[in-house]
Amino acid sequence: MSNTRVIVTKHRTYKLAADAQGVPVEKYFAGVTLPEPIKGSGAKVYETADGPVLAMPRRRKRRSAEPVI
């Protein structure tokens, strides 16, 4: 098992310790109205050398329902 966690953003890739504890986005931005895709998504904010980074859990791809012939 790896001892690092990887967060990929549009501009950079961040490596954090596997046990790094992020702050839930709802707690980090308390009192702010969050966009619908972020609310309740399980997103967390991690502190990095470049400042805070928002990380959302990887979404599983849904299998398309193919007709059975």
PDB file of N, CA and C in Angstrom:
ATOM      1  N   MET A   1       0.841  -1.184   0.000  1.00  0.00           N
ATOM      2  CA  MET A   1       0.000   0.000   0.000  1.00  0.00           C
ATOM      3  C   MET A   1       0.885   1.245   0.000  1.00  0.00           C
ATOM      4  N   SER A   2       0.472   2.248  -0.725  1.00  0.00           N
ATOM      5  CA  SER A   2       1.248   3.464  -0.872  1.00  0.00           C
ATOM      6  C   SER A   2       1.173   4.317   0.391  1.00  0.00           C
ATOM      7  N   ASN A   3       2.233   5.072   0.636  1.00  0.00           N
ATOM      8  CA  ASN A   3       2.228   5.952   1.794  1.00  0.00           C
ATOM      9  C   ASN A   3       2.004   7.405   1.392  1.00  0.00           C
ATOM     10  N   THR A   4       1.512   7.615   0.165  1.00  0.00           N
ATOM     11  CA  THR A   4       1.190   8.964  -0.285  1.00  0.00           C
ATOM     12  C   THR A   4      -0.201   9.020  -0.891  1.00  0.00           C
ATOM     13  N   ARG A   5      -0.767  10.187  -0.854  1.00  0.00           N
ATOM     14  CA  ARG A   5      -2.056  10.465  -1.489  1.00  0.00           C
ATOM     15  C   ARG A   5      -1.767  11.492  -2.574  1.00  0.00           C
ATOM     16  N   VAL A   6      -2.367  11.332  -3.723  1.00  0.00           N
ATOM     17  CA  VAL A   6      -2.126  12.233  -4.850  1.00  0.00           C
ATOM     18  C   VAL A   6      -3.397  13.004  -5.150  1.00  0.00           C
ATOM     19  N   ILE A   7      -3.241  14.325  -5.285  1.00  0.00           N
ATOM     20  CA  ILE A   7      -4.345  15.192  -5.681  1.00  0.00           C
ATOM     21  C   ILE A   7      -3.940  15.843  -7.001  1.00  0.00           C
ATOM     22  N   VAL A   8      -4.731  15.634  -8.030  1.00  0.00           N
ATOM     23  CA  VAL A   8      -4.427  16.170  -9.350  1.00  0.00           C
ATOM     24  C   VAL A   8      -5.358  17.347  -9.622  1.00  0.00           C
ATOM     25  N   THR A   9      -4.770  18.491  -9.956  1.00  0.00           N
ATOM     26  CA  THR A   9      -5.547  19.672 -10.319  1.00  0.00           C
ATOM     27  C   THR A   9      -5.221  20.039 -11.762  1.00  0.00           C
ATOM     28  N   LYS A  10      -5.871  21.049 -12.259  1.00  0.00           N
ATOM     29  CA  LYS A  10      -5.638  21.502 -13.629  1.00  0.00           C
ATOM     30  C   LYS A  10      -4.200  21.997 -13.810  1.00  0.00           C
ATOM     31  N   HIS A  11      -3.619  22.560 -12.742  1.00  0.00           N
ATOM     32  CA  HIS A  11      -2.312  23.185 -12.859  1.00  0.00           C
ATOM     33  C   HIS A  11      -1.158  22.411 -12.241  1.00  0.00           C
ATOM     34  N   ARG A  12      -1.463  21.459 -11.362  1.00  0.00           N
ATOM     35  CA  ARG A  12      -0.382  20.800 -10.641  1.00  0.00           C
ATOM     36  C   ARG A  12      -0.841  19.484 -10.016  1.00  0.00           C
ATOM     37  N   THR A  13       0.121  18.647  -9.666  1.00  0.00           N
ATOM     38  CA  THR A  13      -0.146  17.417  -8.925  1.00  0.00           C
ATOM     39  C   THR A  13       0.484  17.575  -7.553  1.00  0.00           C
ATOM     40  N   TYR A  14      -0.291  17.284  -6.514  1.00  0.00           N
ATOM     41  CA  TYR A  14       0.187  17.406  -5.139  1.00  0.00           C
ATOM     42  C   TYR A  14       0.303  16.030  -4.518  1.00  0.00           C
ATOM     43  N   LYS A  15       1.393  15.794  -3.794  1.00  0.00           N
ATOM     44  CA  LYS A  15       1.563  14.547  -3.053  1.00  0.00           C
ATOM     45  C   LYS A  15       1.477  14.878  -1.574  1.00  0.00           C
ATOM     46  N   LEU A  16       0.598  14.177  -0.879  1.00  0.00           N
ATOM     47  CA  LEU A  16       0.419  14.354   0.556  1.00  0.00           C
ATOM     48  C   LEU A  16       0.629  13.011   1.238  1.00  0.00           C
ATOM     49  N   ALA A  17       0.873  13.042   2.533  1.00  0.00           N
ATOM     50  CA  ALA A  17       0.975  11.799   3.288  1.00  0.00           C
ATOM     51  C   ALA A  17      -0.363  11.073   3.213  1.00  0.00           C
ATOM     52  N   ALA A  18      -0.317   9.750   3.163  1.00  0.00           N
ATOM     53  CA  ALA A  18      -1.544   8.952   3.054  1.00  0.00           C
ATOM     54  C   ALA A  18      -2.478   9.205   4.226  1.00  0.00           C
ATOM     55  N   ASP A  19      -1.932   9.567   5.373  1.00  0.00           N
ATOM     56  CA  ASP A  19      -2.769   9.806   6.542  1.00  0.00           C
ATOM     57  C   ASP A  19      -3.155  11.281   6.714  1.00  0.00           C
ATOM     58  N   ALA A  20      -2.886  12.109   5.696  1.00  0.00           N
ATOM     59  CA  ALA A  20      -3.250  13.526   5.764  1.00  0.00           C
ATOM     60  C   ALA A  20      -4.763  13.663   5.948  1.00  0.00           C
ATOM     61  N   GLN A  21      -5.152  14.464   6.913  1.00  0.00           N
ATOM     62  CA  GLN A  21      -6.564  14.656   7.207  1.00  0.00           C
ATOM     63  C   GLN A  21      -7.027  15.991   6.631  1.00  0.00           C
ATOM     64  N   GLY A  22      -7.867  15.937   5.642  1.00  0.00           N
ATOM     65  CA  GLY A  22      -8.425  17.151   5.086  1.00  0.00           C
ATOM     66  C   GLY A  22      -9.589  17.626   5.927  1.00  0.00           C
ATOM     67  N   VAL A  23      -9.963  18.870   5.742  1.00  0.00           N
ATOM     68  CA  VAL A  23     -11.095  19.459   6.438  1.00  0.00           C
ATOM     69  C   VAL A  23     -12.302  19.391   5.502  1.00  0.00           C
ATOM     70  N   PRO A  24     -13.442  18.870   5.958  1.00  0.00           N
ATOM     71  CA  PRO A  24     -14.616  18.845   5.092  1.00  0.00           C
ATOM     72  C   PRO A  24     -14.918  20.249   4.562  1.00  0.00           C
ATOM     73  N   VAL A  25     -15.254  20.321   3.291  1.00  0.00           N
ATOM     74  CA  VAL A  25     -15.453  21.618   2.633  1.00  0.00           C
ATOM     75  C   VAL A  25     -16.537  22.447   3.326  1.00  0.00           C
ATOM     76  N   GLU A  26     -17.573  21.786   3.850  1.00  0.00           N
ATOM     77  CA  GLU A  26     -18.643  22.517   4.530  1.00  0.00           C
ATOM     78  C   GLU A  26     -18.133  23.201   5.799  1.00  0.00           C
ATOM     79  N   LYS A  27     -17.165  22.580   6.466  1.00  0.00           N
ATOM     80  CA  LYS A  27     -16.591  23.165   7.682  1.00  0.00           C
ATOM     81  C   LYS A  27     -15.592  24.262   7.321  1.00  0.00           C
ATOM     82  N   TYR A  28     -14.758  24.022   6.305  1.00  0.00           N
ATOM     83  CA  TYR A  28     -13.738  24.994   5.894  1.00  0.00           C
ATOM     84  C   TYR A  28     -14.375  26.299   5.425  1.00  0.00           C
ATOM     85  N   PHE A  29     -15.468  26.185   4.677  1.00  0.00           N
ATOM     86  CA  PHE A  29     -16.162  27.359   4.156  1.00  0.00           C
ATOM     87  C   PHE A  29     -17.463  27.610   4.918  1.00  0.00           C
ATOM     88  N   ALA A  30     -17.433  27.451   6.220  1.00  0.00           N
ATOM     89  CA  ALA A  30     -18.632  27.642   7.046  1.00  0.00           C
ATOM     90  C   ALA A  30     -19.226  29.031   6.804  1.00  0.00           C
ATOM     91  N   GLY A  31     -20.530  29.064   6.629  1.00  0.00           N
ATOM     92  CA  GLY A  31     -21.226  30.330   6.416  1.00  0.00           C
ATOM     93  C   GLY A  31     -21.275  30.788   4.973  1.00  0.00           C
ATOM     94  N   VAL A  32     -20.728  30.006   4.062  1.00  0.00           N
ATOM     95  CA  VAL A  32     -20.708  30.358   2.643  1.00  0.00           C
ATOM     96  C   VAL A  32     -21.654  29.422   1.898  1.00  0.00           C
ATOM     97  N   THR A  33     -22.399  29.966   0.949  1.00  0.00           N
ATOM     98  CA  THR A  33     -23.262  29.124   0.120  1.00  0.00           C
ATOM     99  C   THR A  33     -22.398  28.464  -0.947  1.00  0.00           C
ATOM    100  N   LEU A  34     -22.328  27.136  -0.883  1.00  0.00           N
ATOM    101  CA  LEU A  34     -21.493  26.384  -1.814  1.00  0.00           C
ATOM    102  C   LEU A  34     -22.282  25.985  -3.054  1.00  0.00           C
ATOM    103  N   PRO A  35     -21.607  25.839  -4.201  1.00  0.00           N
ATOM    104  CA  PRO A  35     -22.279  25.368  -5.413  1.00  0.00           C
ATOM    105  C   PRO A  35     -22.821  23.954  -5.213  1.00  0.00           C
ATOM    106  N   GLU A  36     -23.902  23.631  -5.870  1.00  0.00           N
ATOM    107  CA  GLU A  36     -24.547  22.323  -5.738  1.00  0.00           C
ATOM    108  C   GLU A  36     -23.609  21.141  -5.973  1.00  0.00           C
ATOM    109  N   PRO A  37     -22.740  21.159  -7.012  1.00  0.00           N
ATOM    110  CA  PRO A  37     -21.882  19.987  -7.231  1.00  0.00           C
ATOM    111  C   PRO A  37     -20.903  19.720  -6.080  1.00  0.00           C
ATOM    112  N   ILE A  38     -20.618  20.728  -5.279  1.00  0.00           N
ATOM    113  CA  ILE A  38     -19.666  20.560  -4.173  1.00  0.00           C
ATOM    114  C   ILE A  38     -20.374  20.173  -2.878  1.00  0.00           C
ATOM    115  N   LYS A  39     -21.579  20.714  -2.666  1.00  0.00           N
ATOM    116  CA  LYS A  39     -22.326  20.417  -1.437  1.00  0.00           C
ATOM    117  C   LYS A  39     -22.589  18.929  -1.324  1.00  0.00           C
ATOM    118  N   GLY A  40     -22.258  18.352  -0.184  1.00  0.00           N
ATOM    119  CA  GLY A  40     -22.553  16.948   0.054  1.00  0.00           C
ATOM    120  C   GLY A  40     -21.772  15.976  -0.810  1.00  0.00           C
ATOM    121  N   SER A  41     -20.707  16.435  -1.446  1.00  0.00           N
ATOM    122  CA  SER A  41     -19.938  15.569  -2.350  1.00  0.00           C
ATOM    123  C   SER A  41     -18.842  14.792  -1.632  1.00  0.00           C
ATOM    124  N   GLY A  42     -18.589  15.143  -0.379  1.00  0.00           N
ATOM    125  CA  GLY A  42     -17.495  14.505   0.345  1.00  0.00           C
ATOM    126  C   GLY A  42     -16.168  15.194   0.097  1.00  0.00           C
ATOM    127  N   ALA A  43     -16.204  16.373  -0.518  1.00  0.00           N
ATOM    128  CA  ALA A  43     -14.978  17.113  -0.818  1.00  0.00           C
ATOM    129  C   ALA A  43     -14.301  17.558   0.472  1.00  0.00           C
ATOM    130  N   LYS A  44     -12.962  17.621   0.412  1.00  0.00           N
ATOM    131  CA  LYS A  44     -12.177  18.075   1.553  1.00  0.00           C
ATOM    132  C   LYS A  44     -11.146  19.086   1.080  1.00  0.00           C
ATOM    133  N   VAL A  45     -10.711  19.936   2.006  1.00  0.00           N
ATOM    134  CA  VAL A  45      -9.678  20.926   1.727  1.00  0.00           C
ATOM    135  C   VAL A  45      -8.403  20.471   2.428  1.00  0.00           C
ATOM    136  N   TYR A  46      -7.314  20.421   1.672  1.00  0.00           N
ATOM    137  CA  TYR A  46      -6.012  20.033   2.205  1.00  0.00           C
ATOM    138  C   TYR A  46      -5.071  21.218   2.107  1.00  0.00           C
ATOM    139  N   GLU A  47      -4.266  21.429   3.141  1.00  0.00           N
ATOM    140  CA  GLU A  47      -3.271  22.494   3.123  1.00  0.00           C
ATOM    141  C   GLU A  47      -2.030  21.982   2.404  1.00  0.00           C
ATOM    142  N   THR A  48      -1.539  22.758   1.428  1.00  0.00           N
ATOM    143  CA  THR A  48      -0.325  22.406   0.691  1.00  0.00           C
ATOM    144  C   THR A  48       0.629  23.589   0.749  1.00  0.00           C
ATOM    145  N   ALA A  49       1.822  23.418   0.220  1.00  0.00           N
ATOM    146  CA  ALA A  49       2.802  24.506   0.183  1.00  0.00           C
ATOM    147  C   ALA A  49       2.292  25.684  -0.642  1.00  0.00           C
ATOM    148  N   ASP A  50       1.410  25.419  -1.605  1.00  0.00           N
ATOM    149  CA  ASP A  50       0.848  26.472  -2.453  1.00  0.00           C
ATOM    150  C   ASP A  50      -0.449  27.052  -1.894  1.00  0.00           C
ATOM    151  N   GLY A  51      -0.873  26.588  -0.743  1.00  0.00           N
ATOM    152  CA  GLY A  51      -2.126  27.043  -0.158  1.00  0.00           C
ATOM    153  C   GLY A  51      -3.145  25.924  -0.160  1.00  0.00           C
ATOM    154  N   PRO A  52      -4.377  26.235   0.209  1.00  0.00           N
ATOM    155  CA  PRO A  52      -5.409  25.192   0.289  1.00  0.00           C
ATOM    156  C   PRO A  52      -5.784  24.646  -1.082  1.00  0.00           C
ATOM    157  N   VAL A  53      -6.040  23.337  -1.113  1.00  0.00           N
ATOM    158  CA  VAL A  53      -6.462  22.665  -2.346  1.00  0.00           C
ATOM    159  C   VAL A  53      -7.735  21.893  -2.044  1.00  0.00           C
ATOM    160  N   LEU A  54      -8.742  22.070  -2.887  1.00  0.00           N
ATOM    161  CA  LEU A  54     -10.011  21.370  -2.750  1.00  0.00           C
ATOM    162  C   LEU A  54      -9.921  20.045  -3.498  1.00  0.00           C
ATOM    163  N   ALA A  55     -10.194  18.960  -2.795  1.00  0.00           N
ATOM    164  CA  ALA A  55     -10.130  17.631  -3.415  1.00  0.00           C
ATOM    165  C   ALA A  55     -11.488  16.962  -3.302  1.00  0.00           C
ATOM    166  N   MET A  56     -12.001  16.517  -4.430  1.00  0.00           N
ATOM    167  CA  MET A  56     -13.277  15.802  -4.450  1.00  0.00           C
ATOM    168  C   MET A  56     -12.984  14.332  -4.667  1.00  0.00           C
ATOM    169  N   PRO A  57     -13.767  13.454  -4.047  1.00  0.00           N
ATOM    170  CA  PRO A  57     -13.548  12.018  -4.247  1.00  0.00           C
ATOM    171  C   PRO A  57     -13.732  11.636  -5.712  1.00  0.00           C
ATOM    172  N   ARG A  58     -13.007  10.627  -6.124  1.00  0.00           N
ATOM    173  CA  ARG A  58     -13.112  10.141  -7.501  1.00  0.00           C
ATOM    174  C   ARG A  58     -14.501   9.568  -7.711  1.00  0.00           C
ATOM    175  N   ARG A  59     -15.103   9.946  -8.806  1.00  0.00           N
ATOM    176  CA  ARG A  59     -16.438   9.429  -9.136  1.00  0.00           C
ATOM    177  C   ARG A  59     -16.292   8.144  -9.911  1.00  0.00           C
ATOM    178  N   ARG A  60     -17.139   7.190  -9.599  1.00  0.00           N
ATOM    179  CA  ARG A  60     -17.134   5.939 -10.355  1.00  0.00           C
ATOM    180  C   ARG A  60     -17.904   6.141 -11.646  1.00  0.00           C
ATOM    181  N   LYS A  61     -17.395   5.554 -12.692  1.00  0.00           N
ATOM    182  CA  LYS A  61     -18.102   5.630 -13.973  1.00  0.00           C
ATOM    183  C   LYS A  61     -19.273   4.665 -13.931  1.00  0.00           C
ATOM    184  N   ARG A  62     -20.404   5.151 -14.388  1.00  0.00           N
ATOM    185  CA  ARG A  62     -21.576   4.278 -14.450  1.00  0.00           C
ATOM    186  C   ARG A  62     -21.538   3.475 -15.735  1.00  0.00           C
ATOM    187  N   ARG A  63     -21.883   2.224 -15.608  1.00  0.00           N
ATOM    188  CA  ARG A  63     -21.970   1.396 -16.792  1.00  0.00           C
ATOM    189  C   ARG A  63     -23.265   1.700 -17.516  1.00  0.00           C
ATOM    190  N   SER A  64     -23.163   1.825 -18.805  1.00  0.00           N
ATOM    191  CA  SER A  64     -24.378   2.083 -19.568  1.00  0.00           C
ATOM    192  C   SER A  64     -25.169   0.776 -19.691  1.00  0.00           C
ATOM    193  N   ALA A  65     -26.446   0.897 -19.648  1.00  0.00           N
ATOM    194  CA  ALA A  65     -27.296  -0.281 -19.766  1.00  0.00           C
ATOM    195  C   ALA A  65     -27.382  -0.660 -21.247  1.00  0.00           C
ATOM    196  N   GLU A  66     -26.766  -1.780 -21.568  1.00  0.00           N
ATOM    197  CA  GLU A  66     -26.802  -2.234 -22.960  1.00  0.00           C
ATOM    198  C   GLU A  66     -27.900  -3.266 -23.104  1.00  0.00           C
ATOM    199  N   PRO A  67     -28.645  -3.177 -24.193  1.00  0.00           N
ATOM    200  CA  PRO A  67     -29.723  -4.157 -24.386  1.00  0.00           C
ATOM    201  C   PRO A  67     -29.157  -5.566 -24.573  1.00  0.00           C
ATOM    202  N   VAL A  68     -29.833  -6.520 -23.996  1.00  0.00           N
ATOM    203  CA  VAL A  68     -29.435  -7.920 -24.136  1.00  0.00           C
ATOM    204  C   VAL A  68     -30.156  -8.493 -25.337  1.00  0.00           C
ATOM    205  N   ILE A  69     -29.405  -9.066 -26.253  1.00  0.00           N
ATOM    206  CA  ILE A  69     -29.999  -9.608 -27.486  1.00  0.00           C
ATOM    207  C   ILE A  69     -30.034 -11.107 -27.415  1.00  0.00           C
TER     208      ILE A  69
END
